Every structure is written in structure tokens, then in C-alpha cells.
Protein backbone atom coordinates (compact mmCIF):
# COMPACT_ATOMS: atom_id res chain seq x y z
CA MET A 1 31.11 -27.83 73.32
CA THR A 2 29.49 -24.63 72.10
CA ASP A 3 28.37 -23.79 68.59
CA ALA A 4 29.25 -20.74 66.53
CA ARG A 5 26.58 -18.75 68.32
CA GLY A 6 27.81 -19.69 71.79
CA SER A 7 25.53 -22.59 72.65
CA LYS A 8 26.05 -26.34 72.67
CA PRO A 9 24.55 -28.33 69.80
CA ALA A 10 21.98 -30.05 71.97
CA GLY A 11 18.25 -29.96 71.59
CA LYS A 12 15.31 -30.62 73.85
CA ASN A 13 14.53 -34.29 74.06
CA PRO A 14 11.12 -34.83 72.48
CA HIS A 15 10.44 -37.73 74.87
CA SER A 16 11.41 -36.06 78.17
CA GLU A 17 7.89 -35.05 79.23
CA GLU A 18 6.31 -38.18 77.89
CA VAL A 19 8.59 -40.51 79.85
CA SER A 20 8.33 -38.63 83.17
CA ALA A 21 4.56 -38.39 83.11
CA ASP A 22 2.50 -41.05 84.87
CA ALA A 23 0.96 -43.61 82.63
CA PRO A 24 -2.62 -42.72 81.81
CA GLY A 25 -4.61 -45.20 83.83
CA SER A 26 -8.26 -46.07 84.17
CA ASP A 27 -10.49 -46.47 87.21
CA GLU A 28 -11.70 -49.71 85.70
CA SER A 29 -8.44 -51.65 85.84
CA PRO A 30 -8.27 -55.43 85.19
CA GLU A 31 -8.24 -56.07 88.97
CA ALA A 32 -11.40 -54.01 89.36
CA TRP A 33 -13.03 -55.96 86.60
CA ARG A 34 -12.07 -59.26 88.21
CA THR A 35 -13.45 -58.11 91.61
CA LEU A 36 -16.63 -56.93 89.96
CA GLY A 37 -16.90 -60.22 88.14
CA THR A 38 -16.48 -62.18 91.39
CA ALA A 39 -19.18 -60.15 93.17
CA ARG A 40 -21.54 -60.53 90.28
CA GLY A 41 -20.86 -64.26 90.25
CA ALA A 42 -21.70 -64.65 93.95
CA VAL A 43 -24.96 -62.70 93.66
CA THR A 44 -25.88 -64.58 90.50
CA ALA A 45 -25.18 -67.90 92.16
CA LEU A 46 -27.47 -67.10 95.12
CA LEU A 47 -30.23 -65.93 92.79
CA VAL A 48 -29.87 -69.01 90.64
CA LEU A 49 -29.99 -71.32 93.67
CA GLY A 50 -33.15 -69.61 94.94
CA VAL A 51 -34.83 -69.75 91.55
CA LEU A 52 -33.84 -73.35 91.06
CA ALA A 53 -35.18 -74.32 94.48
CA GLY A 54 -38.50 -72.63 93.74
CA LEU A 55 -38.74 -74.23 90.34
CA ALA A 56 -37.88 -77.63 91.74
CA VAL A 57 -40.63 -77.41 94.35
CA ALA A 58 -43.10 -76.06 91.78
CA ALA A 59 -42.19 -78.41 88.97
CA LEU A 60 -41.65 -81.61 90.86
CA TRP A 61 -44.16 -81.31 93.75
CA LEU A 62 -46.74 -78.57 93.78
CA VAL A 63 -47.71 -78.52 90.09
CA PRO A 64 -48.25 -82.31 89.71
CA GLU A 65 -50.17 -82.44 93.01
CA GLN A 66 -52.49 -79.63 91.94
CA LEU A 67 -53.06 -81.15 88.52
CA ASN A 68 -54.07 -84.52 89.99
CA ARG A 69 -56.45 -83.62 92.84
CA ARG A 70 -59.36 -85.50 91.25
CA ALA A 71 -60.55 -88.80 92.81
CA PHE A 72 -58.67 -91.95 91.91
CA SER A 73 -59.89 -95.48 92.52
CA THR A 74 -56.62 -96.52 94.10
CA PRO A 75 -53.55 -94.78 95.53
CA ALA A 76 -51.39 -96.50 92.92
CA GLU A 77 -53.42 -94.99 90.08
CA ARG A 78 -53.00 -91.51 91.62
CA ALA A 79 -49.23 -92.02 91.97
CA VAL A 80 -48.95 -92.99 88.28
CA ALA A 81 -50.83 -89.82 87.23
CA VAL A 82 -48.69 -87.58 89.45
CA ASN A 83 -45.51 -89.06 88.05
CA ALA A 84 -46.77 -88.61 84.50
CA ALA A 85 -47.39 -84.93 85.25
CA ARG A 86 -43.90 -84.50 86.65
CA ILE A 87 -42.15 -85.59 83.40
CA PRO A 88 -42.99 -82.43 81.33
CA ALA A 89 -42.45 -80.27 84.40
CA ALA A 90 -39.01 -81.82 84.80
CA ALA A 91 -38.28 -81.07 81.11
CA VAL A 92 -39.29 -77.42 81.60
CA PHE A 93 -37.14 -77.29 84.71
CA ALA A 94 -34.14 -78.70 82.84
CA ALA A 95 -34.59 -76.16 80.03
CA ALA A 96 -34.72 -73.33 82.53
CA ILE A 97 -31.54 -74.59 84.19
CA ALA A 98 -29.80 -74.73 80.79
CA ALA A 99 -30.91 -71.19 79.89
CA LEU A 100 -29.68 -69.85 83.20
CA GLY A 101 -26.35 -71.62 82.70
CA VAL A 102 -25.91 -70.02 79.26
CA TRP A 103 -26.70 -66.57 80.64
CA VAL A 104 -24.28 -66.94 83.55
CA ASN A 105 -21.52 -68.23 81.25
CA HIS A 106 -22.04 -65.34 78.81
CA GLY A 107 -21.63 -62.83 81.61
CA ASN A 108 -18.43 -64.46 82.80
CA VAL A 109 -17.01 -64.52 79.25
CA THR A 110 -17.83 -60.82 78.78
CA VAL A 111 -16.11 -59.88 82.03
CA ALA A 112 -13.05 -61.96 81.09
CA ARG A 113 -12.87 -60.40 77.62
CA VAL A 114 -12.99 -56.84 79.00
CA ALA A 115 -10.35 -57.69 81.59
CA LEU A 116 -8.09 -59.17 78.90
CA LYS A 117 -8.51 -56.09 76.73
CA GLN A 118 -7.62 -53.85 79.64
CA THR A 119 -4.56 -55.98 80.42
CA ARG A 120 -3.33 -55.81 76.84
CA SER A 121 -3.86 -52.04 76.70
CA ARG A 122 -1.91 -51.62 79.91
CA ASP A 123 0.91 -53.85 78.62
CA LEU A 124 1.13 -51.88 75.37
CA GLU A 125 1.28 -48.60 77.25
CA THR A 126 4.02 -49.96 79.49
CA THR A 127 5.98 -51.16 76.47
CA ARG A 128 5.60 -47.81 74.74
CA LEU A 129 6.84 -45.90 77.76
CA THR A 130 9.74 -48.30 78.19
CA GLU A 131 10.82 -47.86 74.57
CA ALA A 132 10.45 -44.08 74.89
CA ALA A 133 12.65 -44.13 77.97
CA GLN A 134 15.26 -46.18 76.12
CA ARG A 135 15.24 -43.78 73.18
CA ASN A 136 15.55 -40.92 75.63
CA ASP A 137 18.67 -42.49 77.14
CA ARG A 138 20.15 -43.11 73.68
CA PHE A 139 19.48 -39.51 72.67
CA VAL A 140 21.15 -38.11 75.78
CA ARG A 141 24.13 -40.45 75.33
CA ALA A 142 24.52 -39.45 71.67
CA ILE A 143 24.56 -35.76 72.62
CA GLU A 144 27.30 -36.49 75.16
CA LEU A 145 29.36 -38.30 72.52
CA ILE A 146 29.23 -35.56 69.87
CA ASN A 147 30.37 -33.05 72.51
CA ASP A 148 33.58 -35.03 73.10
CA ASP A 149 36.25 -32.67 71.78
CA GLN A 150 39.06 -35.20 72.23
CA GLN A 151 37.89 -38.41 70.52
CA LEU A 152 36.92 -38.36 66.84
CA ASN A 153 35.54 -41.91 67.05
CA ALA A 154 33.26 -40.88 69.91
CA ARG A 155 31.86 -37.99 67.89
CA LEU A 156 31.32 -40.21 64.85
CA GLY A 157 29.54 -42.79 67.01
CA GLY A 158 27.29 -40.10 68.44
CA LEU A 159 26.42 -38.80 64.97
CA TYR A 160 25.50 -42.26 63.69
CA ALA A 161 23.47 -42.90 66.87
CA LEU A 162 21.46 -39.75 66.16
CA GLU A 163 20.89 -40.90 62.59
CA GLN A 164 19.60 -44.26 63.82
CA LEU A 165 17.14 -42.53 66.13
CA MET A 166 16.00 -40.33 63.25
CA ARG A 167 15.43 -43.42 61.09
CA GLU A 168 13.48 -45.26 63.80
CA SER A 169 11.24 -42.35 64.84
CA PRO A 170 11.35 -39.62 62.19
CA LYS A 171 8.04 -38.12 63.26
CA ILE A 172 9.38 -37.55 66.78
CA TYR A 173 13.09 -36.94 66.26
CA TYR A 174 13.59 -35.58 62.73
CA ALA A 175 13.24 -31.85 63.45
CA THR A 176 15.16 -32.05 66.74
CA ILE A 177 18.11 -34.00 65.35
CA VAL A 178 18.27 -31.81 62.23
CA ASP A 179 18.66 -28.79 64.49
CA VAL A 180 21.32 -30.58 66.56
CA LEU A 181 23.33 -31.60 63.49
CA ALA A 182 23.09 -28.12 61.98
CA ALA A 183 24.33 -26.57 65.24
CA TYR A 184 27.14 -29.14 65.33
CA ILE A 185 28.28 -28.18 61.82
CA ARG A 186 28.10 -24.47 62.59
CA HIS A 187 30.29 -25.07 65.66
CA ARG A 188 32.82 -27.39 64.02
CA ALA A 189 33.11 -25.53 60.68
CA PRO A 190 32.46 -21.82 61.18
CA TRP A 191 33.39 -19.04 58.79
CA PRO A 192 35.56 -17.21 59.54
CA PRO A 193 37.58 -19.94 61.30
CA GLN A 194 37.83 -19.58 65.06
CA SER A 195 40.55 -22.12 65.91
CA ALA A 196 44.21 -22.25 64.93
CA THR A 197 43.69 -25.50 63.05
CA GLU A 198 40.80 -24.08 61.05
CA ALA A 199 42.80 -20.93 60.31
CA ILE A 200 45.59 -23.03 58.82
CA ARG A 201 43.05 -24.89 56.70
CA ALA A 202 41.49 -21.61 55.58
CA GLU A 203 44.85 -20.21 54.52
CA SER A 204 45.41 -23.32 52.43
CA TYR A 205 42.66 -22.23 50.04
CA VAL A 206 44.15 -21.01 46.79
CA PRO A 207 42.68 -19.86 43.45
CA ARG A 208 41.34 -22.52 41.11
CA TRP A 209 44.18 -22.35 38.60
CA ARG A 210 46.79 -22.82 41.31
CA ARG A 211 44.78 -25.57 42.99
CA LEU A 212 44.57 -27.44 39.70
CA MET A 213 48.34 -27.24 39.36
CA SER A 214 49.01 -28.35 42.94
CA LYS A 215 46.09 -30.83 43.01
CA HIS A 216 45.21 -29.46 46.43
CA THR A 217 41.54 -29.20 47.40
CA PRO A 218 40.46 -28.31 50.95
CA ARG A 219 38.03 -30.74 52.58
CA PRO A 220 35.86 -30.57 55.72
CA PHE A 221 36.80 -32.52 58.83
CA ASN A 222 35.59 -36.13 58.83
CA ASP A 223 32.91 -35.57 61.48
CA VAL A 224 31.60 -32.49 59.67
CA GLN A 225 31.36 -34.46 56.43
CA VAL A 226 29.48 -37.27 58.23
CA ALA A 227 27.03 -34.76 59.74
CA LEU A 228 26.44 -33.23 56.29
CA THR A 229 25.84 -36.66 54.76
CA ILE A 230 23.28 -37.52 57.46
CA LEU A 231 21.47 -34.22 56.94
CA GLY A 232 21.29 -34.79 53.20
CA ARG A 233 19.76 -38.26 53.28
CA ARG A 234 16.15 -38.38 52.07
CA ALA A 235 15.49 -41.89 53.44
CA HIS A 236 14.73 -40.44 56.89
CA LEU A 237 11.39 -39.15 55.64
CA ASP A 238 10.38 -41.81 53.12
CA SER A 239 8.74 -44.03 55.75
CA LEU A 240 6.32 -41.30 56.86
CA PRO A 241 2.85 -40.61 55.44
CA ALA A 242 2.71 -37.87 52.83
CA SER A 243 1.00 -35.44 55.22
CA ASP A 244 3.68 -35.75 57.92
CA ARG A 245 6.49 -35.77 55.37
CA GLY A 246 5.22 -32.55 53.84
CA ASN A 247 5.32 -30.75 57.18
CA LEU A 248 8.89 -31.87 57.91
CA ASP A 249 10.00 -30.92 54.39
CA HIS A 250 9.40 -27.31 55.36
CA HIS A 251 11.69 -27.51 58.39
CA LYS A 252 14.52 -25.02 57.96
CA ILE A 253 18.11 -26.31 58.09
CA ASP A 254 20.42 -23.53 59.29
CA LEU A 255 23.95 -23.90 57.89
CA SER A 256 24.58 -20.20 57.45
CA GLY A 257 28.09 -18.84 57.82
CA THR A 258 29.81 -22.24 57.58
CA ASN A 259 33.05 -23.40 55.97
CA LEU A 260 32.04 -26.26 53.67
CA ARG A 261 34.69 -25.92 50.98
CA GLY A 262 35.21 -29.19 49.14
CA ALA A 263 32.27 -30.86 50.91
CA ASP A 264 30.57 -33.84 49.26
CA LEU A 265 26.82 -33.27 49.09
CA THR A 266 26.03 -35.48 46.10
CA ASP A 267 22.29 -36.24 45.89
CA ALA A 268 21.75 -34.37 49.17
CA TYR A 269 18.15 -33.50 50.06
CA LEU A 270 18.41 -29.99 51.52
CA VAL A 271 15.08 -28.30 50.87
CA ARG A 272 14.91 -24.81 52.43
CA VAL A 273 18.49 -25.05 53.69
CA ASP A 274 20.06 -21.76 54.75
CA LEU A 275 23.58 -21.53 53.30
CA SER A 276 23.80 -17.76 53.30
CA ARG A 277 27.36 -16.40 53.61
CA SER A 278 28.70 -19.96 53.58
CA HIS A 279 31.82 -20.99 51.67
CA LEU A 280 31.32 -23.95 49.32
CA GLU A 281 34.18 -23.41 46.88
CA GLY A 282 34.92 -26.67 45.11
CA ALA A 283 32.03 -28.48 46.82
CA ASN A 284 30.26 -31.35 45.07
CA LEU A 285 26.51 -30.73 44.93
CA ARG A 286 25.62 -32.97 41.97
CA ARG A 287 21.88 -33.65 41.78
CA ALA A 288 21.39 -31.97 45.16
CA CYS A 289 17.85 -30.80 45.94
CA LEU A 290 18.21 -27.17 47.00
CA THR A 291 14.65 -26.06 46.34
CA ALA A 292 13.87 -22.76 48.09
CA ALA A 293 17.41 -22.71 49.53
CA ASN A 294 18.86 -19.47 50.83
CA LEU A 295 22.20 -18.95 49.03
CA HIS A 296 22.45 -15.23 49.72
CA GLU A 297 26.12 -14.19 49.36
CA ALA A 298 27.20 -17.84 49.34
CA HIS A 299 30.54 -18.66 47.73
CA LEU A 300 30.05 -21.38 45.13
CA THR A 301 33.05 -20.58 42.97
CA THR A 302 34.21 -23.73 41.08
CA ALA A 303 31.51 -25.78 42.86
CA THR A 304 29.83 -28.62 40.99
CA LEU A 305 26.03 -28.40 40.83
CA ASP A 306 25.33 -30.54 37.76
CA GLY A 307 21.66 -31.58 37.81
CA ALA A 308 20.98 -29.69 41.04
CA ASP A 309 17.47 -28.41 41.75
CA LEU A 310 17.70 -24.70 42.53
CA ARG A 311 14.14 -23.68 41.81
CA LYS A 312 12.90 -20.86 44.03
CA ALA A 313 16.38 -20.56 45.52
CA ARG A 314 17.56 -17.16 46.70
CA LEU A 315 20.74 -16.33 44.76
CA THR A 316 21.27 -12.64 45.54
CA GLY A 317 24.96 -11.92 45.85
CA THR A 318 25.85 -15.57 45.19
CA ARG A 319 29.28 -16.10 43.64
CA LEU A 320 29.12 -18.68 40.86
CA GLN A 321 32.21 -17.92 38.80
CA GLY A 322 33.54 -21.10 37.24
CA ALA A 323 30.79 -23.23 38.78
CA ARG A 324 29.36 -26.25 36.98
CA LEU A 325 25.59 -26.08 36.60
CA ASN A 326 25.09 -28.44 33.67
CA GLY A 327 21.48 -29.62 33.56
CA ALA A 328 20.60 -27.69 36.72
CA LEU A 329 17.00 -26.60 37.36
CA LEU A 330 16.99 -22.81 37.57
CA GLN A 331 13.56 -21.91 36.23
CA GLN A 332 12.54 -18.34 37.07
CA VAL A 333 15.45 -17.78 39.45
CA ASP A 334 16.78 -14.28 39.99
CA LEU A 335 20.38 -13.99 38.79
CA HIS A 336 20.40 -10.34 37.80
CA ASP A 337 23.82 -8.67 37.93
CA ARG A 338 25.43 -11.97 38.99
CA GLN A 339 29.02 -12.80 38.10
CA LEU A 340 28.81 -16.00 36.03
CA LEU A 341 32.13 -15.72 34.23
CA GLY A 342 33.08 -19.09 32.77
CA THR A 343 30.13 -20.83 34.40
CA ARG A 344 29.06 -24.09 32.78
CA LEU A 345 25.33 -24.15 32.18
CA ASN A 346 25.10 -26.72 29.38
CA GLY A 347 21.55 -28.09 29.21
CA ALA A 348 20.52 -26.02 32.24
CA HIS A 349 16.87 -25.03 32.62
CA LEU A 350 16.66 -21.25 32.85
CA GLU A 351 13.16 -20.74 31.50
CA GLY A 352 11.86 -17.35 32.59
CA ALA A 353 15.01 -16.62 34.61
CA ASN A 354 16.02 -13.06 35.42
CA LEU A 355 19.54 -12.59 34.01
CA ARG A 356 19.41 -8.84 33.52
CA GLY A 357 22.91 -7.41 33.62
CA ALA A 358 24.46 -10.80 34.42
CA TRP A 359 28.09 -11.11 33.35
CA MET A 360 28.33 -14.46 31.57
CA GLY A 361 31.42 -14.01 29.46
CA PHE A 362 32.97 -17.32 28.28
CA ALA A 363 30.04 -19.20 29.83
CA GLU A 364 29.05 -22.56 28.39
CA LEU A 365 25.34 -22.66 27.54
CA ARG A 366 25.18 -25.43 24.93
CA GLY A 367 21.62 -26.76 24.72
CA ALA A 368 20.51 -24.51 27.58
CA HIS A 369 16.79 -23.79 27.97
CA LEU A 370 16.39 -20.01 28.01
CA GLN A 371 12.83 -19.68 26.75
CA GLY A 372 11.39 -16.36 27.89
CA ALA A 373 14.51 -15.53 29.92
CA ASP A 374 15.33 -11.86 30.50
CA LEU A 375 18.92 -11.22 29.36
CA THR A 376 18.63 -7.46 29.04
CA ALA A 377 22.12 -5.88 29.04
CA ALA A 378 23.65 -9.26 29.92
CA GLY A 379 27.31 -9.82 29.07
CA LEU A 380 27.59 -12.94 26.91
CA SER A 381 30.79 -12.17 25.04
CA SER A 382 32.55 -15.33 23.82
CA ALA A 383 29.80 -17.46 25.36
CA ASP A 384 28.94 -20.81 23.79
CA LEU A 385 25.19 -20.95 23.02
CA ARG A 386 25.18 -23.71 20.41
CA GLY A 387 21.81 -25.44 20.28
CA ALA A 388 20.42 -23.25 23.07
CA ASP A 389 16.70 -22.46 23.09
CA LEU A 390 16.24 -18.68 23.20
CA THR A 391 12.63 -18.63 22.00
CA GLU A 392 11.00 -15.35 23.10
CA ALA A 393 14.07 -14.48 25.16
CA ILE A 394 14.81 -10.79 25.78
CA LEU A 395 18.34 -9.86 24.71
CA THR A 396 17.88 -6.10 24.45
CA MET A 397 21.26 -4.31 24.68
CA ALA A 398 22.95 -7.63 25.49
CA SER A 399 26.60 -8.03 24.60
CA LEU A 400 27.02 -11.12 22.39
CA ASN A 401 30.36 -10.30 20.80
CA ASN A 402 32.21 -13.36 19.53
CA CYS A 403 29.58 -15.70 20.99
CA VAL A 404 28.51 -18.85 19.16
CA LEU A 405 24.78 -19.33 18.47
CA THR A 406 24.99 -22.08 15.84
CA ALA A 407 21.74 -24.10 15.54
CA ALA A 408 20.16 -22.19 18.42
CA LYS A 409 16.40 -21.52 18.54
CA VAL A 410 15.79 -17.77 18.44
CA LYS A 411 12.24 -17.39 17.15
CA ASN A 412 10.55 -14.28 18.55
CA ALA A 413 13.71 -13.39 20.46
CA ASP A 414 14.37 -9.68 21.00
CA PHE A 415 17.87 -8.55 19.93
CA THR A 416 17.04 -4.84 19.93
CA SER A 417 20.27 -2.78 20.22
CA ALA A 418 22.24 -5.94 21.03
CA LYS A 419 25.95 -6.13 20.22
CA LEU A 420 26.78 -9.08 17.98
CA PHE A 421 30.24 -8.16 16.71
CA TYR A 422 31.83 -11.18 15.01
CA ALA A 423 29.26 -13.51 16.57
CA GLU A 424 28.45 -16.81 14.89
CA LEU A 425 24.73 -17.09 14.10
CA THR A 426 24.83 -19.84 11.49
CA GLU A 427 22.12 -22.39 10.69
CA LEU A 428 19.39 -20.40 12.49
CA ASP A 429 15.72 -19.81 11.83
CA MET A 430 15.22 -16.27 13.10
CA GLY A 431 11.52 -16.11 12.38
CA GLN A 432 9.90 -13.04 13.99
CA ALA A 433 13.13 -12.16 15.82
CA GLU A 434 13.62 -8.43 16.49
CA LEU A 435 16.94 -7.04 15.18
CA GLY A 436 16.21 -3.32 15.31
CA GLY A 437 19.34 -1.35 16.18
CA ALA A 438 21.45 -4.49 16.63
CA GLN A 439 25.16 -4.04 15.84
CA MET A 440 26.33 -7.06 13.87
CA ILE A 441 29.63 -6.08 12.25
CA GLY A 442 31.48 -9.18 11.09
CA ALA A 443 28.80 -11.56 12.38
CA ALA A 444 28.45 -14.85 10.45
CA PHE A 445 24.91 -15.73 9.25
CA GLY A 446 25.70 -18.65 6.95
CA GLY A 447 22.62 -20.79 6.30
CA THR A 448 20.43 -18.56 8.50
CA GLN A 449 16.81 -17.73 7.64
CA LEU A 450 16.20 -13.99 7.98
CA VAL A 451 13.01 -13.81 5.92
CA GLU A 452 10.62 -13.04 8.80
CA THR A 453 12.93 -10.98 11.00
CA LYS A 454 11.80 -7.55 12.17
CA GLY A 455 13.80 -4.31 12.17
CA LEU A 456 16.53 -5.59 9.82
CA THR A 457 18.07 -2.84 7.63
CA TRP A 458 20.25 -2.95 4.51
CA GLY A 459 23.07 -1.34 6.47
CA GLN A 460 23.01 -4.25 8.93
CA VAL A 461 22.96 -6.76 6.05
CA MET A 462 26.04 -5.14 4.51
CA SER A 463 27.94 -5.50 7.80
CA ILE A 464 27.35 -9.26 8.22
CA GLN A 465 28.73 -12.32 6.47
CA GLY A 466 26.18 -14.52 4.69
CA ASP A 467 26.33 -17.25 2.07
CA GLY A 468 24.24 -18.73 -0.70
CA ARG A 469 21.83 -20.30 1.81
CA THR A 470 21.23 -17.12 3.79
CA THR A 471 17.76 -15.77 3.06
CA LEU A 472 16.62 -12.14 3.46
CA PRO A 473 13.18 -10.50 3.65
CA SER A 474 11.68 -10.10 0.17
CA THR A 475 10.94 -6.42 0.86
CA LEU A 476 14.57 -5.62 1.71
CA ARG A 477 16.52 -4.02 -1.16
CA GLY A 478 19.85 -2.30 -1.58
CA PRO A 479 20.23 1.28 -2.87
CA ASN A 480 20.49 -0.06 -6.41
CA GLY A 481 17.76 -2.69 -5.95
CA GLU A 482 20.16 -5.48 -4.95
CA LEU A 483 18.55 -8.55 -3.41
CA ARG A 484 21.72 -9.54 -1.54
CA PRO A 485 25.16 -8.04 -0.89
CA ASN A 486 27.69 -8.62 -3.63
CA HIS A 487 30.40 -9.64 -1.16
CA TRP A 488 28.44 -12.71 -0.05
CA PRO A 489 29.72 -15.93 -1.66
CA ALA A 490 27.43 -17.75 -4.05
CA GLU A 491 25.88 -21.07 -3.07
CA ASP A 492 28.09 -23.13 -5.38
CA HIS A 493 31.19 -21.45 -4.09
CA ASN A 494 30.08 -22.02 -0.49
CA ARG A 495 29.43 -25.72 -1.16
CA ALA A 496 32.83 -26.15 -2.77
CA LEU A 497 34.48 -24.42 0.15
CA SER A 498 32.62 -26.65 2.63
CA GLU A 499 33.66 -29.81 0.75
CA THR A 500 37.26 -28.63 0.68
CA GLN A 501 37.25 -28.00 4.43
CA THR A 502 35.68 -31.42 5.06
């Protein structure tokens, strides 16, 4: 079976060289130590016998005789004296024998201990090589199974066998098996489709509105889904030390140019994955970790990425129309000129993001974090920005017609030359916000604080709708010294109207 690039999804076995190599031995094997111990024992025994013989003669015969050479009155008296001299000599002799015995025994114990250590080391090495050989056989067998084009069960068994190997020895097998699984997915689910079956499945893809009516959603083949699930599991690395895990985290996963529409990648751990030019329409990527992922020209239309981590991801040319990105982490990502029509970004983190020229009409951004984001010339018409944080955001020349900004945070935001026709900006504190040149015809500012805004003119005030709670800068006056437009309702009237509506 060949992959999309013309090669089979098989990798080099990380144990092949290790298993074929001879076991690292030592000149001082246990047998050598035993032989050496035997030779030493024989020499030691001869030396001990010689020393003992000399000591026996000296202690029990020569020394007593020399000490008792004086004249004795009778032979019996001399014999008693000689025997008395032999008693301490015999004690010294016995002590010497005991000391020699201890020394000899210590030497034998040392030799035995070294031999045992060598034996254990050799046994451990043999066990390690045996296990490596077994893993090697399992790896080769798993590769054979996933290349079986006829039996789905065989391919599934091979995929799970590879996962088991990756769990048992992640330091050895993780990178190799990741490459094998990625090649397998590229072969089994290429884009564009290369087989008749895949072509039929590709033609079955229909626009979102029609798919919702027909309740038809394309899905990957079972074996492709299993391979994706295995790739996305974080548990493979959790057993490794932090240093080793960090190195493997940077291993690139190449899934570029694949057909993964409707795939389930919930909670998948895919750091640095390459999904460029891949099709993931309707895929489920909830809480997926896609840090530093390459999503260049990827198709994520109607995909679900709620809570996904997309920090440092490459999103140039990515199609995200209608995608769900609620609560996603998108800090400082580059989404300039992207088509985000109808995208759901409620509660998403877009601090410092580049959204220049992005088309976000009808997008949902309730509670979104857009502090310091660059939305210059962005299209936000009819977008829902209720409760969003736009502190210090740049909205110069942005189109915010008919959008809802109720209760949003817009302090120090820059609305220079922005279009706010009929937008709803109620219940806001626009302290230090820049409104110079902004077009706000028909915009609602009920309950909004405009006291500290910059660039606000009387002409702009006359074009907006305020109420009794709307406050204006104290220095702003009408041509006849008016403090507020006459067409704004009074506070009492506004309260009565609110109670009537309630």
C-alpha cells in the first residue's frame, strides 16, 4: 500500500540495529572470574600451608626449645618448662590461623560478589535484547496488517498494535509511529480523492444549509478515524520525563492535503500539526490543542473548534465561514482579510489579534476578548458584540453598521472614521474612546457615558439616538448653546417607556 506521495506508510524500525548487533560483552566474564578465583584459591592454599607449617615448627618446637636451654635439675622439670612455653606460642599460632582464614574467606566472597554482579548484568542485557527483538517483530507485523487493503479488521488491529507499542516505549517509538500513522492517513484519505469510492464520498458533500435539511454529514472511513484518534491522544507522552516529552512535542505531524471532513478530533493533542490544504468541513475539534499548527488554506467551514487552542497557528488563507470558535484561544493570531462570515466567537480570546480587513459580518462575538486587537477596516456589520471587551482595540474605518455593542468595554478604543450606522451602543462607558470622523447616523447610545470621549462633534451627536441617561462632554455645545439635542427623550419619559416595555 502506498501513501499519497507514492510510498508505503512504513517507517524504519528503531530497534533494527540494536537487535542485530552483538551484545556488548566484557573480557572479564563470570567464567573468567570463577577461573581466576580458583587459581587464586590454589595459590593461597599452598602459601597458607607453607606458612602454617613454618609457624607450627617455630611455635611448637623451636621457640620453646630456645627459650628453655638453661640447666634444669631433672629432665621432668625441663619438660614442664618447655610445655609452659608452648601454650602462648600455640595461642599466637591459633590467632594467626584465624586471621589467615578471615583473609582467605574475604577474598572468596569478593570474587563471588563480582561474578554474581557480572551474571546479573549479562542476564539483564539478554532480557533487554530479547524484549527489543519481540517489539521489533510486533512492529513489523503491525506494518504488515495496516497494509492489508482487503480486511478492515486487520488494519484496525495493526493500528491498535502500533498504539500499544507507542504506549510501552514512547521514547523509542513515538516519532516513528506518528510518521507511520500520518502517512497512513494521507494514503487512505487524500484530497483530492484518488479512488472511485472516495470520489463518491467527495461528491456527497453539500453546502451547510442543505446538509442540515438532509441531516447528511460526511465522515472519514473507520480506520482513518481510528488513526486520527491515536494521533490525538496525549497519554502517549505523559509517562516520559519533561525533558524527553518536550523534544517529542516539537515533532511535526504531517496531515497536509487530507480529506478529514466530519472527523472527530475532540480533545486531540496535535501540536505543530500540518493541516495545510486539508478539508475539515464539519469536523469536531472541541478543545483540541492546535498550538503552532499549520492551517494554511485549510477548509474549516462549519467546523466546531469550541475551546480549541490555536495560539501561534498559521491561518493564512484558512476558510472559517460558519465555524464555531466559542472560547477558543486565538491570542495574537493573524486573521487579516479572512472570511469569518457568521463565525461564532463567543468568549473567544483574540487579545492582540490581527483582524485587519477581516469580513466578520453576522459573526457572534458575545463576551469575546478583543483587547488591543487590530480591527482596522474590518467588516462587522450586524455582528453581535454584546459584553465584548474592546479596550484599546483599533477599529479605524471598521464597518459596524447594525452591530450590537450593548454593555461592551470600549475604553480607549479607536473608532476613527468607523461606520456605525444604526448600531446599538447602549449601556457603555466610552471613556477616552476616539470617535473622530465616525459616522453614527441612527446609532443608539441610550445610557452610554460619552463624557470623556475624544473627537466627538455636535453634528455626530445630532445624528445619534440618546436618552436621559446619556451623558455628553461638558465642553460640547450646540449652535444655540444646547447641552443636549432636543429630540432626545427625557429621563422620566425613558423610564416610563422602559417600564411599559417590561
